[in-house]
C-alpha atoms as a PDB file:
ATOM      1  CA  MET A   1      13.037 128.392 149.700  1.00  0.00           C
ATOM      2  CA  PHE A   2      14.728 127.520 145.973  1.00  0.00           C
ATOM      3  CA  ASN A   3      18.163 126.372 148.247  1.00  0.00           C
ATOM      4  CA  SER A   4      15.562 123.634 150.319  1.00  0.00           C
ATOM      5  CA  VAL A   5      13.963 122.596 147.131  1.00  0.00           C
ATOM      6  CA  PHE A   6      17.126 121.973 145.304  1.00  0.00           C
ATOM      7  CA  ARG A   7      18.830 120.119 148.769  1.00  0.00           C
ATOM      8  CA  ARG A   8      16.029 117.767 148.646  1.00  0.00           C
ATOM      9  CA  ILE A   9      16.003 117.139 144.637  1.00  0.00           C
ATOM     10  CA  SER A  10      19.926 116.410 144.756  1.00  0.00           C
ATOM     11  CA  LEU A  11      19.507 114.047 148.018  1.00  0.00           C
ATOM     12  CA  GLY A  12      16.844 112.230 146.142  1.00  0.00           C
ATOM     13  CA  VAL A  13      18.894 111.796 142.956  1.00  0.00           C
ATOM     14  CA  LEU A  14      21.924 110.780 145.380  1.00  0.00           C
ATOM     15  CA  LEU A  15      19.594 108.043 146.830  1.00  0.00           C
ATOM     16  CA  LEU A  16      18.145 106.635 143.633  1.00  0.00           C
ATOM     17  CA  MET A  17      21.971 106.688 142.143  1.00  0.00           C
ATOM     18  CA  VAL A  18      23.766 104.740 145.514  1.00  0.00           C
ATOM     19  CA  GLY A  19      20.454 102.226 145.124  1.00  0.00           C
ATOM     20  CA  THR A  20      20.773 101.559 141.667  1.00  0.00           C
ATOM     21  CA  ILE A  21      24.566 101.467 140.286  1.00  0.00           C
ATOM     22  CA  PRO A  22      25.369  98.605 142.673  1.00  0.00           C
ATOM     23  CA  ALA A  23      22.399  96.369 140.952  1.00  0.00           C
ATOM     24  CA  LEU A  24      23.919  97.226 137.671  1.00  0.00           C
ATOM     25  CA  ILE A  25      27.207  96.478 138.307  1.00  0.00           C
ATOM     26  CA  ALA A  26      26.272  92.678 140.444  1.00  0.00           C
ATOM     27  CA  SER A  27      24.111  92.077 137.473  1.00  0.00           C
ATOM     28  CA  GLU A  28      25.067  89.024 135.069  1.00  0.00           C
ATOM     29  CA  GLU A  29      24.477  88.414 131.547  1.00  0.00           C
ATOM     30  CA  VAL A  30      23.067  84.673 130.454  1.00  0.00           C
ATOM     31  CA  LYS A  31      24.942  82.819 129.236  1.00  0.00           C
ATOM     32  CA  TRP A  32      23.295  80.773 126.541  1.00  0.00           C
ATOM     33  CA  GLU A  33      24.271  76.684 125.960  1.00  0.00           C
ATOM     34  CA  LYS A  34      24.425  76.003 121.888  1.00  0.00           C
ATOM     35  CA  THR A  35      22.391  72.300 122.717  1.00  0.00           C
ATOM     36  CA  LEU A  36      20.267  70.862 125.071  1.00  0.00           C
ATOM     37  CA  GLU A  37      22.921  68.146 125.920  1.00  0.00           C
ATOM     38  CA  ASP A  38      24.985  70.510 126.989  1.00  0.00           C
ATOM     39  CA  SER A  39      22.732  72.506 129.429  1.00  0.00           C
ATOM     40  CA  ILE A  40      21.686  69.261 131.103  1.00  0.00           C
ATOM     41  CA  ALA A  41      24.918  67.957 131.449  1.00  0.00           C
ATOM     42  CA  LYS A  42      26.390  71.107 132.700  1.00  0.00           C
ATOM     43  CA  ALA A  43      23.305  71.933 134.965  1.00  0.00           C
ATOM     44  CA  ALA A  44      23.928  68.187 136.545  1.00  0.00           C
ATOM     45  CA  LYS A  45      27.854  69.143 136.800  1.00  0.00           C
ATOM     46  CA  ILE A  46      27.638  72.295 138.994  1.00  0.00           C
ATOM     47  CA  GLY A  47      24.258  71.353 140.685  1.00  0.00           C
ATOM     48  CA  LYS A  48      22.025  73.876 140.127  1.00  0.00           C
ATOM     49  CA  PRO A  49      18.407  73.590 138.395  1.00  0.00           C
ATOM     50  CA  MET A  50      17.617  74.722 134.729  1.00  0.00           C
ATOM     51  CA  MET A  51      14.797  76.484 133.813  1.00  0.00           C
ATOM     52  CA  MET A  52      13.452  75.460 129.962  1.00  0.00           C
ATOM     53  CA  ASP A  53      10.732  78.167 128.412  1.00  0.00           C
ATOM     54  CA  PHE A  54       8.773  77.487 125.645  1.00  0.00           C
ATOM     55  CA  TYR A  55       6.341  79.883 123.423  1.00  0.00           C
ATOM     56  CA  THR A  56       4.947  79.787 119.894  1.00  0.00           C
ATOM     57  CA  ASP A  57       3.317  82.524 117.759  1.00  0.00           C
ATOM     58  CA  TRP A  58       0.329  79.869 116.372  1.00  0.00           C
END
């Protein structure tokens, strides 16, 4: 019985590792621009949309 439980746990851990390691390797870091003008120019140049996020702690 112990052998069967150990195999199931091992298989679960293996599947978890196989599923998460490629996602961690492929993730990219966000590269921030210095100014809004630089960001707009870069987005227009490469043809990708730009996201802006505003918030406040009033």
